[in-house]
């Protein structure tokens, strides 16, 4: 007799006894575990599993109380293909930015275990399934980022060579973790002396709730000022470098979220020298008395290293002599009044400065003078006369 794995088997035993009024009692003397024998009805029934594939011996005994007879036979259970199944327990939780790994194990009830498996999974962008063709195991792995926070449904499918399949469906919950903020802008690295430098700092944070309150700070550079509203995700670094700031300045911008995680940007700002005009630092002498010596030496300087300052007199009265910005002279009565002077300082690179001022020549009293020439000879008994003439400036 024959049966098929996973199919219901039934056989009803019938008996007869020629002796009138003899009652027959049936007994399942040898019955496989997957079968149940009901003596009162003579029904032998059951469903064989993969483990029962092959020959199964059965012995049924019929007795009338005085004599007995046995029916011995073999049930050949034919194998049918069993679908494989996923036997491992899925990993259903992982933190954002942490490594997720699930080792998939499968099994197949077929006793010959000669099947070649195909293992697949539904597509989840951050997960990768690694499976060697034909193998009964696989690995599902990946690292979720902030955009993957939430619940992801996954279905693992295993198929044997005959096409029978088994599935395992589960959810992976990705839990959010705090992400460090990041600086998304790039600082300017060059500025001219005396020109405005300005850097608009922008930051971001991958955390989906975006509820962080930022702190933005910078290293100290004397000519730079950081403007930041507490909690805001933007700031401005600005300032105007002077001649003394020419050169390289290292700057570090730091952004921190409410949880204390940080990001930094370090860069160098190079301040390029521009020509500065010279300056005249001396104070002019602006008055002198008539007939008194006047003297004034102009002093000038230039902050640019290597520049040579040349002084010249652009406007100067005739009674003064100018040599490289040094004035000297003595005014006379004709020079009483106001005299304009302009002195120019030049650095030879196009920069210049002027000092314009007036010199007031004050009058002083001059002695009168006798302008006539005396008659210095006379004759006896002759009249002598001489008229004295005078002048006063």
Protein backbone atom coordinates (compact mmCIF):
# COMPACT_ATOMS: atom_id res chain seq x y z
CA UNK A 1 0.00 0.00 0.00
CA UNK A 2 1.06 3.60 -0.51
CA UNK A 3 0.64 7.02 1.06
CA UNK A 4 1.92 10.48 0.26
CA UNK A 5 3.70 12.79 2.66
CA UNK A 6 1.39 15.52 3.97
CA UNK A 7 -1.69 13.81 2.42
CA UNK A 8 -4.39 12.14 4.53
CA UNK A 9 -4.22 8.32 4.54
CA UNK A 10 -7.20 6.08 5.52
CA UNK A 11 -7.82 2.31 5.45
CA UNK A 12 -10.80 0.48 6.92
CA UNK A 13 -10.14 -3.09 8.10
CA UNK A 14 -13.04 -5.49 7.48
CA UNK A 15 -13.34 -8.99 9.04
CA UNK A 16 -15.56 -12.08 8.82
CA UNK A 17 -16.06 -15.23 11.01
CA UNK A 18 -17.98 -18.30 9.80
CA UNK A 19 -18.97 -19.17 13.35
CA UNK A 20 -22.39 -17.84 14.06
CA UNK A 21 -22.54 -15.42 16.94
CA UNK A 22 -18.75 -15.10 17.25
CA UNK A 23 -17.69 -11.49 17.95
CA UNK A 24 -14.45 -10.25 16.34
CA UNK A 25 -12.15 -7.88 18.17
CA UNK A 26 -9.57 -5.82 16.22
CA UNK A 27 -6.26 -4.72 17.66
CA UNK A 28 -3.56 -2.48 16.14
CA UNK A 29 -0.61 -4.58 17.11
CA UNK A 30 1.94 -2.55 15.17
CA UNK A 31 0.89 0.94 14.13
CA UNK A 32 3.28 3.82 13.07
CA UNK A 33 3.12 6.93 15.26
CA UNK A 34 1.52 9.05 12.54
CA UNK A 35 -1.44 6.62 12.31
CA UNK A 36 -4.39 6.12 14.64
CA UNK A 37 -6.28 2.81 14.67
CA UNK A 38 -9.87 2.83 15.93
CA UNK A 39 -10.72 -0.79 16.85
CA UNK A 40 -14.48 -0.29 16.99
CA UNK A 41 -14.63 0.90 13.40
CA UNK A 42 -11.53 -0.73 12.02
CA UNK A 43 -10.38 2.63 10.61
CA UNK A 44 -6.64 3.25 10.30
CA UNK A 45 -6.04 6.95 9.52
CA UNK A 46 -3.39 9.65 9.68
CA UNK A 47 -1.22 12.10 7.74
CA UNK A 48 2.46 11.21 7.27
CA UNK A 49 5.08 13.93 7.57
CA UNK A 50 8.51 14.28 6.00
CA UNK A 51 10.02 12.16 8.81
CA UNK A 52 7.66 9.30 7.87
CA UNK A 53 8.78 9.07 4.27
CA UNK A 54 9.70 5.46 3.48
CA UNK A 55 8.32 2.06 4.48
CA UNK A 56 6.07 1.85 7.53
CA UNK A 57 5.12 -1.61 8.92
CA UNK A 58 1.57 -2.24 10.14
CA UNK A 59 0.18 -5.31 11.94
CA UNK A 60 -3.58 -5.63 12.62
CA UNK A 61 -4.85 -8.58 14.71
CA UNK A 62 -8.44 -9.92 14.58
CA UNK A 63 -9.57 -12.24 17.42
CA UNK A 64 -12.88 -14.01 18.18
CA UNK A 65 -11.80 -15.04 21.64
CA UNK A 66 -10.78 -18.53 20.60
CA UNK A 67 -8.61 -17.89 17.60
CA UNK A 68 -6.89 -14.92 15.98
CA UNK A 69 -5.47 -13.85 12.67
CA UNK A 70 -3.05 -11.05 11.71
CA UNK A 71 -2.83 -8.79 8.70
CA UNK A 72 0.72 -7.58 8.17
CA UNK A 73 1.45 -5.02 5.49
CA UNK A 74 3.76 -2.10 4.63
CA UNK A 75 2.70 1.45 3.85
CA UNK A 76 5.20 3.16 1.53
CA UNK A 77 5.10 6.94 2.19
CA UNK A 78 6.21 8.85 -0.87
CA UNK A 79 8.12 12.14 -0.36
CA UNK A 80 6.69 15.47 -1.53
CA UNK A 81 8.66 18.71 -1.70
CA UNK A 82 8.42 20.75 1.50
CA UNK A 83 8.67 24.52 1.38
CA UNK A 84 11.72 25.88 3.18
CA UNK A 85 11.25 28.22 6.14
CA UNK A 86 13.17 31.00 7.87
CA UNK A 87 14.17 29.53 11.21
CA UNK A 88 16.07 32.48 12.71
CA UNK A 89 14.56 35.26 14.84
CA UNK A 90 14.76 38.69 13.23
CA UNK A 91 16.57 41.66 14.80
CA UNK A 92 13.87 44.32 14.99
CA UNK A 93 15.55 47.41 16.47
CA UNK A 94 18.63 49.53 15.81
CA UNK A 95 19.80 53.03 16.66
CA UNK A 96 20.46 55.60 13.97
CA UNK A 97 24.12 55.52 12.85
CA UNK A 98 24.63 52.11 14.51
CA UNK A 99 25.40 48.89 12.63
CA UNK A 100 22.44 46.59 12.05
CA UNK A 101 23.11 42.88 11.44
CA UNK A 102 20.74 39.94 11.14
CA UNK A 103 22.10 36.44 10.40
CA UNK A 104 19.35 34.66 8.48
CA UNK A 105 19.05 30.90 8.95
CA UNK A 106 16.65 28.68 6.98
CA UNK A 107 15.59 25.06 7.07
CA UNK A 108 13.74 22.50 4.92
CA UNK A 109 11.96 19.39 6.18
CA UNK A 110 12.92 17.37 3.13
CA UNK A 111 15.05 14.53 4.45
CA UNK A 112 17.44 14.55 1.52
CA UNK A 113 18.28 18.23 2.14
CA UNK A 114 19.55 18.50 -1.40
CA UNK A 115 17.72 21.74 -2.15
CA UNK A 116 19.54 24.85 -3.34
CA UNK A 117 18.17 27.98 -1.65
CA UNK A 118 17.44 31.41 -3.00
CA UNK A 119 17.10 34.08 -0.27
CA UNK A 120 15.80 37.57 -1.00
CA UNK A 121 14.42 40.53 0.93
CA UNK A 122 12.22 43.52 0.24
CA UNK A 123 14.12 46.67 -0.73
CA UNK A 124 15.09 48.95 2.15
CA UNK A 125 17.58 51.57 0.98
CA UNK A 126 19.98 51.32 3.90
CA UNK A 127 20.01 47.50 4.06
CA UNK A 128 22.07 45.05 1.98
CA UNK A 129 21.39 41.32 1.74
CA UNK A 130 24.48 39.14 1.32
CA UNK A 131 23.76 35.61 0.10
CA UNK A 132 25.93 33.03 -1.60
CA UNK A 133 23.91 31.28 -4.31
CA UNK A 134 22.56 27.96 -3.07
CA UNK A 135 23.47 28.52 0.59
CA UNK A 136 20.88 28.13 3.35
CA UNK A 137 22.09 31.22 5.25
CA UNK A 138 22.37 34.90 4.47
CA UNK A 139 23.14 38.21 6.21
CA UNK A 140 21.07 41.39 6.22
CA UNK A 141 23.12 44.40 7.30
CA UNK A 142 23.37 48.18 7.06
CA UNK A 143 23.73 51.46 8.94
CA UNK A 144 20.65 53.72 9.04
CA UNK A 145 21.14 57.47 9.11
CA UNK A 146 18.92 60.28 10.32
CA UNK A 147 16.67 60.06 7.27
CA UNK A 148 15.96 56.41 8.09
CA UNK A 149 14.57 57.04 11.59
CA UNK A 150 11.20 55.27 11.84
CA UNK A 151 9.73 51.85 11.10
CA UNK A 152 10.78 49.76 8.09
CA UNK A 153 8.87 46.65 6.99
CA UNK A 154 11.04 43.79 5.76
CA UNK A 155 10.06 40.48 4.19
CA UNK A 156 12.63 37.70 3.85
CA UNK A 157 11.77 35.09 1.21
CA UNK A 158 13.51 31.71 0.91
CA UNK A 159 12.86 29.50 -2.11
CA UNK A 160 14.07 25.95 -2.76
CA UNK A 161 15.09 24.52 -6.10
CA UNK A 162 11.53 23.41 -6.78
CA UNK A 163 10.17 26.91 -6.30
CA UNK A 164 8.48 26.35 -2.96
CA UNK A 165 8.83 29.38 -0.71
CA UNK A 166 8.74 30.46 2.88
CA UNK A 167 8.62 34.02 4.20
CA UNK A 168 9.40 35.95 7.34
CA UNK A 169 7.94 39.43 7.71
CA UNK A 170 8.99 41.83 10.46
CA UNK A 171 9.48 45.53 11.24
CA UNK A 172 12.81 47.17 12.03
CA UNK A 173 12.46 50.27 14.23
CA UNK A 174 15.27 52.80 13.77
CA UNK A 175 15.56 55.00 16.88
CA UNK A 176 16.80 58.57 16.54
CA UNK A 177 20.09 59.57 18.17
CA UNK A 178 21.39 63.10 18.49
CA UNK A 179 23.46 64.17 15.48
CA UNK A 180 26.22 66.74 15.74
CA UNK A 181 25.44 69.99 13.90
CA UNK A 182 27.58 70.88 10.91
CA UNK A 183 28.87 74.11 9.40
CA UNK A 184 27.63 74.26 5.81
CA UNK A 185 29.21 77.56 4.74
CA UNK A 186 32.84 78.24 3.77
CA UNK A 187 34.72 81.18 5.25
CA UNK A 188 36.43 83.76 3.07
CA UNK A 189 40.21 83.54 3.28
CA UNK A 190 41.41 86.92 1.95
CA UNK A 191 40.75 90.60 2.56
CA UNK A 192 42.63 93.84 1.85
CA UNK A 193 43.81 96.08 4.64
CA UNK A 194 41.19 98.74 5.42
CA UNK A 195 38.46 96.76 3.53
CA UNK A 196 35.41 95.21 5.22
CA UNK A 197 35.57 91.44 5.77
CA UNK A 198 32.23 89.65 6.24
CA UNK A 199 31.45 85.92 6.50
CA UNK A 200 27.84 84.71 6.82
CA UNK A 201 28.01 81.46 8.77
CA UNK A 202 25.31 78.86 8.13
CA UNK A 203 24.85 75.57 9.97
CA UNK A 204 22.56 72.55 9.83
CA UNK A 205 21.62 69.52 11.90
CA UNK A 206 20.40 66.17 10.51
CA UNK A 207 18.09 65.56 13.46
CA UNK A 208 14.62 65.37 11.98
CA UNK A 209 13.03 67.30 14.83
CA UNK A 210 15.41 70.25 14.27
CA UNK A 211 14.70 71.45 17.79
CA UNK A 212 18.32 72.14 18.68
CA UNK A 213 19.44 75.52 19.95
CA UNK A 214 22.81 76.45 18.47
CA UNK A 215 25.81 78.12 20.04
CA UNK A 216 28.22 79.59 17.48
CA UNK A 217 31.59 80.98 18.52
CA UNK A 218 34.98 81.80 17.02
CA UNK A 219 38.58 82.05 18.11
CA UNK A 220 39.71 85.53 19.11
CA UNK A 221 41.07 87.77 16.35
CA UNK A 222 41.27 91.38 17.52
CA UNK A 223 39.84 93.01 14.39
CA UNK A 224 36.96 90.53 13.98
CA UNK A 225 33.56 90.53 15.73
CA UNK A 226 31.08 87.65 15.89
CA UNK A 227 27.39 88.59 15.72
CA UNK A 228 25.12 85.72 16.79
CA UNK A 229 21.61 85.66 18.22
CA UNK A 230 21.40 83.03 20.97
CA UNK A 231 19.87 79.82 19.65
CA UNK A 232 19.98 80.82 15.98
CA UNK A 233 21.57 78.60 13.33
CA UNK A 234 23.33 81.48 11.56
CA UNK A 235 25.90 84.11 12.52
CA UNK A 236 28.12 86.76 10.96
CA UNK A 237 31.86 87.25 11.41
CA UNK A 238 33.02 90.68 10.29
CA UNK A 239 35.61 93.41 10.75
CA UNK A 240 38.00 95.79 9.01
CA UNK A 241 41.72 95.03 9.36
CA UNK A 242 44.20 97.88 9.75
CA UNK A 243 47.83 98.11 8.70
CA UNK A 244 48.89 96.37 11.89
CA UNK A 245 46.73 93.38 10.93
CA UNK A 246 48.50 92.68 7.63
CA UNK A 247 49.44 88.99 7.55
CA UNK A 248 47.76 85.64 8.31
CA UNK A 249 45.12 85.08 10.97
CA UNK A 250 43.91 81.60 11.98
CA UNK A 251 40.17 81.41 12.73
CA UNK A 252 38.19 78.51 14.19
CA UNK A 253 34.39 78.57 14.06
CA UNK A 254 32.61 76.21 16.48
CA UNK A 255 28.91 75.30 16.40
CA UNK A 256 27.35 73.32 19.27
CA UNK A 257 23.83 71.97 19.66
CA UNK A 258 21.83 71.86 22.87
CA UNK A 259 23.25 68.43 23.71
CA UNK A 260 26.82 69.66 23.44
CA UNK A 261 27.80 67.99 20.17
CA UNK A 262 30.01 70.21 18.02
CA UNK A 263 31.46 70.83 14.59
CA UNK A 264 34.36 73.12 13.75
CA UNK A 265 35.67 74.97 10.73
CA UNK A 266 39.26 76.17 10.79
CA UNK A 267 40.64 78.46 8.11
CA UNK A 268 43.19 81.24 7.63
CA UNK A 269 42.36 84.81 6.62
CA UNK A 270 45.21 86.55 4.79
CA UNK A 271 45.14 90.35 5.12
CA UNK A 272 46.91 91.93 2.13
CA UNK A 273 48.72 95.22 2.59
CA UNK A 274 47.44 98.30 0.75
CA UNK A 275 49.39 101.57 0.46
CA UNK A 276 48.74 103.98 3.33
CA UNK A 277 49.23 107.69 2.84
CA UNK A 278 51.92 109.27 4.99
CA UNK A 279 50.91 111.52 7.87
CA UNK A 280 52.34 114.88 8.99
CA UNK A 281 52.62 114.80 12.74
CA UNK A 282 54.29 118.13 13.55
CA UNK A 283 52.45 121.31 14.45
CA UNK A 284 53.30 124.32 12.30
CA UNK A 285 54.65 127.59 13.75
CA UNK A 286 52.06 130.11 12.56
CA UNK A 287 53.38 133.49 13.73
CA UNK A 288 56.56 135.53 13.71
CA UNK A 289 57.54 139.15 14.31
CA UNK A 290 58.92 141.31 11.58
CA UNK A 291 62.69 141.21 11.55
CA UNK A 292 62.71 138.01 13.70
CA UNK A 293 64.01 134.64 12.51
CA UNK A 294 61.31 132.08 11.67
CA UNK A 295 61.99 128.32 11.83
CA UNK A 296 59.75 125.25 11.48
CA UNK A 297 60.80 121.67 10.74
CA UNK A 298 58.05 119.40 9.38
CA UNK A 299 57.98 115.79 10.59
CA UNK A 300 56.09 113.04 8.77
CA UNK A 301 55.82 109.23 8.91
CA UNK A 302 54.28 106.27 7.04
CA UNK A 303 52.97 103.01 8.62
CA UNK A 304 53.89 101.03 5.50
CA UNK A 305 57.14 99.21 6.08
CA UNK A 306 59.78 100.25 3.55
CA UNK A 307 58.08 103.45 2.39
CA UNK A 308 60.26 106.60 2.29
CA UNK A 309 58.53 109.91 2.90
CA UNK A 310 59.63 112.96 0.87
CA UNK A 311 58.68 116.45 2.03
CA UNK A 312 58.31 119.42 -0.32
CA UNK A 313 56.92 122.95 -0.11
CA UNK A 314 54.14 123.45 -2.63
CA UNK A 315 53.35 127.03 -1.55
CA UNK A 316 55.83 129.21 0.34
CA UNK A 317 56.34 133.03 0.64
CA UNK A 318 59.46 134.59 -0.86
CA UNK A 319 61.01 135.44 2.48
CA UNK A 320 61.12 131.76 3.46
CA UNK A 321 63.51 129.05 2.35
CA UNK A 322 62.24 125.42 2.27
CA UNK A 323 64.63 122.48 2.37
CA UNK A 324 62.99 119.01 2.65
CA UNK A 325 60.18 120.44 4.71
CA UNK A 326 62.37 122.63 6.90
CA UNK A 327 61.32 126.32 6.73
CA UNK A 328 63.50 129.26 7.73
CA UNK A 329 63.70 132.98 7.00
CA UNK A 330 63.33 136.50 8.43
CA UNK A 331 60.41 138.67 7.31
CA UNK A 332 60.90 142.43 6.97
CA UNK A 333 58.47 145.29 7.14
CA UNK A 334 57.15 144.56 3.65
CA UNK A 335 56.22 141.06 4.77
CA UNK A 336 53.93 142.15 7.58
CA UNK A 337 50.60 140.29 7.14
CA UNK A 338 49.41 136.73 6.46
CA UNK A 339 51.30 134.28 4.28
CA UNK A 340 49.96 130.90 3.06
CA UNK A 341 52.15 127.80 3.26
CA UNK A 342 51.45 124.32 1.85
CA UNK A 343 53.80 121.43 2.64
CA UNK A 344 53.31 118.04 0.93
CA UNK A 345 54.48 114.64 2.20
CA UNK A 346 54.72 111.89 -0.46
CA UNK A 347 55.50 108.16 -0.04
CA UNK A 348 56.48 107.58 -3.68
CA UNK A 349 53.66 105.03 -4.14
CA UNK A 350 50.87 107.48 -4.82
CA UNK A 351 50.08 108.30 -1.22
CA UNK A 352 50.43 111.87 -0.01
CA UNK A 353 49.39 114.24 2.75
CA UNK A 354 49.38 118.06 2.90
CA UNK A 355 49.74 120.50 5.73
CA UNK A 356 48.23 123.91 4.85
CA UNK A 357 48.62 126.78 7.27
CA UNK A 358 49.18 130.56 7.43
CA UNK A 359 52.05 132.47 9.01
CA UNK A 360 51.08 135.83 10.49
CA UNK A 361 54.00 138.37 10.36
CA UNK A 362 53.44 140.94 13.09
CA UNK A 363 54.67 144.51 12.66
CA UNK A 364 57.32 145.91 15.02
CA UNK A 365 58.30 149.58 15.37
CA UNK A 366 61.10 150.62 12.99
CA UNK A 367 63.42 153.55 13.83
CA UNK A 368 63.17 156.53 11.48
CA UNK A 369 66.01 157.23 9.08
CA UNK A 370 67.68 160.51 7.88
CA UNK A 371 67.56 160.36 4.18
CA UNK A 372 69.39 163.65 3.39
CA UNK A 373 73.13 164.09 2.91
CA UNK A 374 74.67 166.69 5.10
CA UNK A 375 76.46 169.78 3.56
CA UNK A 376 79.84 169.45 5.07
CA UNK A 377 81.68 172.53 3.79
CA UNK A 378 81.18 176.27 4.46
CA UNK A 379 82.96 179.53 3.52
CA UNK A 380 83.83 182.28 5.85
CA UNK A 381 81.39 185.13 5.66
CA UNK A 382 79.10 182.99 3.43
CA UNK A 383 75.74 181.74 4.59
CA UNK A 384 75.51 177.94 5.33
CA UNK A 385 72.35 176.00 4.98
CA UNK A 386 71.40 172.28 5.12
CA UNK A 387 67.92 170.82 5.20
CA UNK A 388 67.62 167.50 7.02
CA UNK A 389 65.06 165.06 5.53
CA UNK A 390 63.79 161.91 7.33
CA UNK A 391 61.73 158.79 6.59
CA UNK A 392 59.97 156.05 8.60
CA UNK A 393 58.79 152.78 7.16
